[in-house]
Amino acid sequence: MANWAKRKSEHSALQVEQLLKRVVDDHNAGNSAVKVNTKMYTMAIDSWARTGGKQAAERATDIHRGMVEVYKQTGDLNIMPSTISYNAVINAWSKSGGDEEAALRAEGILEEMLDEWRRTRKGDVKKDAVDVSVNVNRNLKVSDGKASQKVDENDEDLDEEESIVKPDVISFTSVIDTWARSGMKNGAAKAMHLLKKMEQLYVEEGQLGMKPNGTSYCCYKCALDKRQCCFKCY
C-alpha cells in the first residue's frame, strides 16, 4: 500500500483505496490477523490528494468521513481520526483546482477540527482515547509538500488533554492557501480572518502549534494578490 501511495496518479490512488477496502473487508469478516488503522486510511486520503482535482478531493473526503463514522459507531481506537488525517483531507481540497467551493470545503473541515478540539478540551473524551491519539499523531506521516507533518516525541506543544484532533499551523495555512488559490474577491478577507484566529489562539490561549509562520503570511500575501502561492512559500 505504501508504495502505491507514493505515486501520483488516479490509478495508484484507486489501487490504494482498493487495498484499504480489502483490509477492511477482511477485518469485518472476522480475520483477527488483519488490522486496519488510521495510517492506512490516511495513506488512501493522501494518495487522492496527490492526484488533484475535485473528484479526488471528494474521494478523499468520503474515505475520511467513512473512517469517522465507523469510529463513532464502534469506538475502535485503531481508526480514531487524527490531526494528520484531517490535514490530509484539507490538502486534497487545496489541490482540487482552486475555486470558492474548494476553499469553503477546506474551511469547513478546519471548523470541524476546531469543534472536535473544543469538545476534547471540555473532557468529553476518555483518557485511553487520548493516549492512542498521541501515539498516532507522533508516528503518522503524510509526505506531500506543506501537508508533511511528523510530531516529535519531545514536542512540548503536544499535551494529552488536546491531542485527539487539534488544528495546527498546517491546518490553518492550508486553508489560507486554498483561499489564495480560489482567486475570489473575498479570498483575502477570508485569509485574514483565519490569520487573526491563529494569532488569537496563540497569543490569548498559548497555543504554540497554531502560531502563524512565514508560510502562513506568505499565503496570505498570495490571497491579497489573488494568485496561487509560489514555491518560495513552502
Protein backbone atom coordinates (compact mmCIF):
# COMPACT_ATOMS: atom_id res chain seq x y z
CA MET A 1 0.00 0.00 0.00
CA ALA A 2 2.81 2.41 0.93
CA ASN A 3 4.49 2.06 -2.47
CA TRP A 4 1.28 2.81 -4.37
CA ALA A 5 0.54 5.75 -2.05
CA LYS A 6 3.79 7.48 -3.04
CA ARG A 7 2.79 7.65 -6.69
CA LYS A 8 0.87 10.50 -8.27
CA SER A 9 -1.90 9.16 -10.48
CA GLU A 10 -5.55 8.21 -10.39
CA HIS A 11 -4.58 4.59 -11.00
CA SER A 12 -2.33 4.48 -7.93
CA ALA A 13 -4.98 6.19 -5.78
CA LEU A 14 -7.53 3.57 -6.87
CA GLN A 15 -5.06 0.79 -6.03
CA VAL A 16 -4.51 2.18 -2.52
CA GLU A 17 -8.26 2.56 -1.94
CA GLN A 18 -8.90 -0.99 -3.14
CA LEU A 19 -6.20 -2.33 -0.85
CA LEU A 20 -7.74 -0.43 2.05
CA LYS A 21 -11.17 -1.87 1.22
CA ARG A 22 -9.71 -5.40 1.12
CA VAL A 23 -8.17 -4.95 4.56
CA VAL A 24 -11.40 -3.50 5.97
CA ASP A 25 -13.49 -6.33 4.47
CA ASP A 26 -11.14 -8.98 5.88
CA HIS A 27 -11.21 -7.32 9.27
CA ASN A 28 -15.02 -7.11 9.26
CA ALA A 29 -15.21 -10.77 8.21
CA GLY A 30 -13.51 -11.72 11.46
CA ASN A 31 -9.94 -12.22 10.32
CA SER A 32 -8.08 -11.48 13.55
CA ALA A 33 -4.74 -11.42 11.75
CA VAL A 34 -5.77 -8.34 9.80
CA LYS A 35 -5.83 -4.93 11.44
CA VAL A 36 -6.97 -1.67 9.90
CA ASN A 37 -5.76 1.63 11.32
CA THR A 38 -5.78 5.39 10.85
CA LYS A 39 -2.48 5.31 8.99
CA MET A 40 -3.96 3.10 6.25
CA TYR A 41 -6.93 5.43 5.81
CA THR A 42 -4.63 8.46 5.72
CA MET A 43 -2.47 6.84 3.03
CA ALA A 44 -5.56 6.45 0.87
CA ILE A 45 -6.63 10.05 1.53
CA ASP A 46 -3.15 11.36 0.76
CA SER A 47 -2.97 9.29 -2.42
CA TRP A 48 -6.09 11.01 -3.75
CA ALA A 49 -4.71 14.40 -2.65
CA ARG A 50 -1.64 13.78 -4.81
CA THR A 51 -3.90 13.13 -7.80
CA GLY A 52 -5.54 16.56 -7.65
CA GLY A 53 -8.95 17.66 -8.89
CA LYS A 54 -12.42 17.89 -7.36
CA GLN A 55 -13.28 14.25 -7.85
CA ALA A 56 -10.11 13.25 -6.00
CA ALA A 57 -10.94 15.65 -3.15
CA GLU A 58 -14.45 14.18 -2.92
CA ARG A 59 -12.98 10.67 -2.73
CA ALA A 60 -10.56 11.77 -0.01
CA THR A 61 -13.44 13.32 1.92
CA ASP A 62 -15.60 10.22 1.57
CA ILE A 63 -12.81 7.95 2.81
CA HIS A 64 -12.21 10.12 5.86
CA ARG A 65 -15.91 10.50 6.59
CA GLY A 66 -16.29 6.73 6.40
CA MET A 67 -13.48 6.25 8.91
CA VAL A 68 -15.00 8.83 11.28
CA GLU A 69 -18.44 7.21 11.08
CA VAL A 70 -17.10 3.72 11.78
CA TYR A 71 -15.04 5.06 14.68
CA LYS A 72 -18.11 6.73 16.19
CA GLN A 73 -20.15 3.55 15.76
CA THR A 74 -17.58 1.08 17.07
CA GLY A 75 -15.25 3.11 19.28
CA ASP A 76 -12.32 1.30 17.65
CA LEU A 77 -9.31 3.33 18.79
CA ASN A 78 -7.19 1.96 15.94
CA ILE A 79 -9.15 4.08 13.46
CA MET A 80 -9.50 7.20 15.57
CA PRO A 81 -9.32 10.32 13.36
CA SER A 82 -6.18 12.38 13.91
CA THR A 83 -4.90 15.86 13.20
CA ILE A 84 -2.93 14.43 10.30
CA SER A 85 -5.88 12.58 8.76
CA TYR A 86 -7.89 15.81 8.80
CA ASN A 87 -4.96 17.79 7.37
CA ALA A 88 -4.70 15.28 4.53
CA VAL A 89 -8.33 15.99 3.56
CA ILE A 90 -7.76 19.75 3.71
CA ASN A 91 -4.72 19.25 1.48
CA ALA A 92 -6.85 17.35 -1.02
CA TRP A 93 -9.20 20.33 -1.34
CA SER A 94 -6.27 22.72 -1.55
CA LYS A 95 -5.08 20.79 -4.61
CA SER A 96 -8.53 20.34 -6.14
CA GLY A 97 -8.42 23.15 -8.66
CA GLY A 98 -8.76 26.40 -6.75
CA ASP A 99 -12.26 27.85 -6.60
CA GLU A 100 -14.67 29.07 -3.93
CA GLU A 101 -16.19 25.64 -3.37
CA ALA A 102 -12.77 24.14 -2.63
CA ALA A 103 -11.97 26.93 -0.16
CA LEU A 104 -15.31 26.56 1.59
CA ARG A 105 -14.93 22.79 1.84
CA ALA A 106 -11.40 23.14 3.24
CA GLU A 107 -12.55 25.73 5.77
CA GLY A 108 -15.48 23.52 6.76
CA ILE A 109 -13.06 20.71 7.61
CA LEU A 110 -10.97 23.12 9.68
CA GLU A 111 -14.11 24.18 11.57
CA GLU A 112 -14.90 20.52 12.20
CA MET A 113 -11.41 20.10 13.67
CA LEU A 114 -11.88 23.15 15.89
CA ASP A 115 -15.23 21.84 17.13
CA GLU A 116 -13.73 18.44 17.93
CA TRP A 117 -10.78 20.05 19.70
CA ARG A 118 -13.07 22.23 21.84
CA ARG A 119 -15.15 19.18 22.72
CA THR A 120 -11.98 17.36 23.75
CA ARG A 121 -10.87 20.26 25.93
CA LYS A 122 -14.14 20.02 27.84
CA GLY A 123 -13.20 16.50 28.89
CA ASP A 124 -15.73 14.63 26.75
CA VAL A 125 -13.13 12.13 25.51
CA LYS A 126 -11.79 9.22 27.55
CA LYS A 127 -8.12 9.21 28.53
CA ASP A 128 -7.37 5.91 26.76
CA ALA A 129 -8.57 7.50 23.52
CA VAL A 130 -6.24 10.44 24.13
CA ASP A 131 -3.28 8.12 24.74
CA VAL A 132 -3.87 6.27 21.47
CA SER A 133 -4.22 9.51 19.52
CA VAL A 134 -0.97 10.88 20.95
CA ASN A 135 0.82 7.84 19.54
CA VAL A 136 -0.98 8.16 16.20
CA ASN A 137 -0.04 11.82 15.82
CA ARG A 138 3.57 11.11 16.79
CA ASN A 139 4.12 8.26 14.37
CA LEU A 140 1.91 9.05 11.38
CA LYS A 141 3.45 10.96 8.49
CA VAL A 142 1.89 12.34 5.33
CA SER A 143 4.59 13.19 2.80
CA ASP A 144 3.21 15.81 0.48
CA GLY A 145 4.72 19.30 0.49
CA LYS A 146 3.13 21.61 3.02
CA ALA A 147 1.00 18.80 4.40
CA SER A 148 4.08 16.92 5.59
CA GLN A 149 3.89 16.51 9.31
CA LYS A 150 5.55 14.42 11.98
CA VAL A 151 5.23 15.24 15.65
CA ASP A 152 8.48 14.78 17.51
CA GLU A 153 8.48 12.70 20.68
CA ASN A 154 9.70 15.74 22.61
CA ASP A 155 7.28 18.27 21.13
CA GLU A 156 6.39 20.42 24.14
CA ASP A 157 3.19 21.61 22.49
CA LEU A 158 1.75 18.10 22.39
CA ASP A 159 -0.17 17.56 25.61
CA GLU A 160 -2.57 14.77 26.38
CA GLU A 161 -5.60 16.99 27.00
CA GLU A 162 -5.58 18.43 23.48
CA SER A 163 -4.15 15.76 21.21
CA ILE A 164 -7.20 13.95 19.79
CA VAL A 165 -7.91 16.24 16.82
CA LYS A 166 -6.16 19.57 17.20
CA PRO A 167 -5.75 22.07 14.36
CA ASP A 168 -2.18 23.24 13.88
CA VAL A 169 -0.31 25.74 11.74
CA ILE A 170 -0.53 23.30 8.81
CA SER A 171 -4.31 23.07 9.10
CA PHE A 172 -4.83 26.84 9.09
CA THR A 173 -2.17 27.62 6.48
CA SER A 174 -3.53 25.01 4.07
CA VAL A 175 -6.95 26.67 4.21
CA ILE A 176 -5.41 30.13 3.75
CA ASP A 177 -3.60 28.72 0.72
CA THR A 178 -6.88 27.34 -0.63
CA TRP A 179 -8.47 30.79 -0.42
CA ALA A 180 -5.42 32.22 -2.20
CA ARG A 181 -5.85 29.65 -4.97
CA SER A 182 -9.56 30.47 -5.29
CA GLY A 183 -8.90 33.92 -6.76
CA MET A 184 -12.16 35.12 -5.18
CA LYS A 185 -12.70 38.77 -4.26
CA ASN A 186 -13.32 37.79 -0.66
CA GLY A 187 -10.31 35.46 -0.58
CA ALA A 188 -8.03 37.99 1.13
CA ALA A 189 -10.67 38.79 3.78
CA LYS A 190 -11.19 35.09 4.47
CA ALA A 191 -7.44 34.53 4.71
CA MET A 192 -7.05 37.49 7.09
CA HIS A 193 -9.83 36.14 9.29
CA LEU A 194 -8.01 32.82 9.59
CA LEU A 195 -4.68 34.53 10.23
CA LYS A 196 -6.22 36.62 13.03
CA LYS A 197 -7.78 33.50 14.52
CA MET A 198 -4.35 31.82 14.56
CA GLU A 199 -2.80 34.86 16.25
CA GLN A 200 -5.61 34.97 18.80
CA LEU A 201 -5.26 31.30 19.68
CA TYR A 202 -1.50 31.70 20.01
CA VAL A 203 -1.45 34.98 21.98
CA GLU A 204 -4.55 34.60 24.15
CA GLU A 205 -4.59 30.84 24.69
CA GLY A 206 -0.91 29.99 24.36
CA GLN A 207 -1.42 27.50 21.52
CA LEU A 208 2.14 27.25 20.22
CA GLY A 209 1.19 24.81 17.46
CA MET A 210 -1.19 27.38 15.95
CA LYS A 211 1.32 30.24 15.82
CA PRO A 212 1.47 31.65 12.26
CA ASN A 213 4.76 31.07 10.48
CA GLY A 214 6.40 32.50 7.37
CA THR A 215 4.35 30.26 5.11
CA SER A 216 1.11 31.45 6.72
CA TYR A 217 1.92 35.08 5.98
CA CYS A 218 3.23 34.26 2.50
CA CYS A 219 -0.03 32.51 1.61
CA TYR A 220 -1.99 35.48 2.95
CA LYS A 221 0.02 37.76 0.67
CA CYS A 222 -0.84 35.47 -2.23
CA ALA A 223 -4.51 35.83 -1.29
CA LEU A 224 -4.12 39.61 -1.43
CA ASP A 225 -2.62 39.26 -4.89
CA LYS A 226 -5.38 36.80 -5.91
CA ARG A 227 -2.91 34.19 -7.09
CA GLN A 228 -1.68 30.74 -6.20
CA CYS A 229 1.16 30.61 -3.71
CA CYS A 230 4.61 30.43 -5.22
CA PHE A 231 7.02 27.63 -4.38
CA LYS A 232 9.01 30.08 -2.25
CA CYS A 233 6.22 29.89 0.33
CA TYR A 234 6.96 26.24 1.09
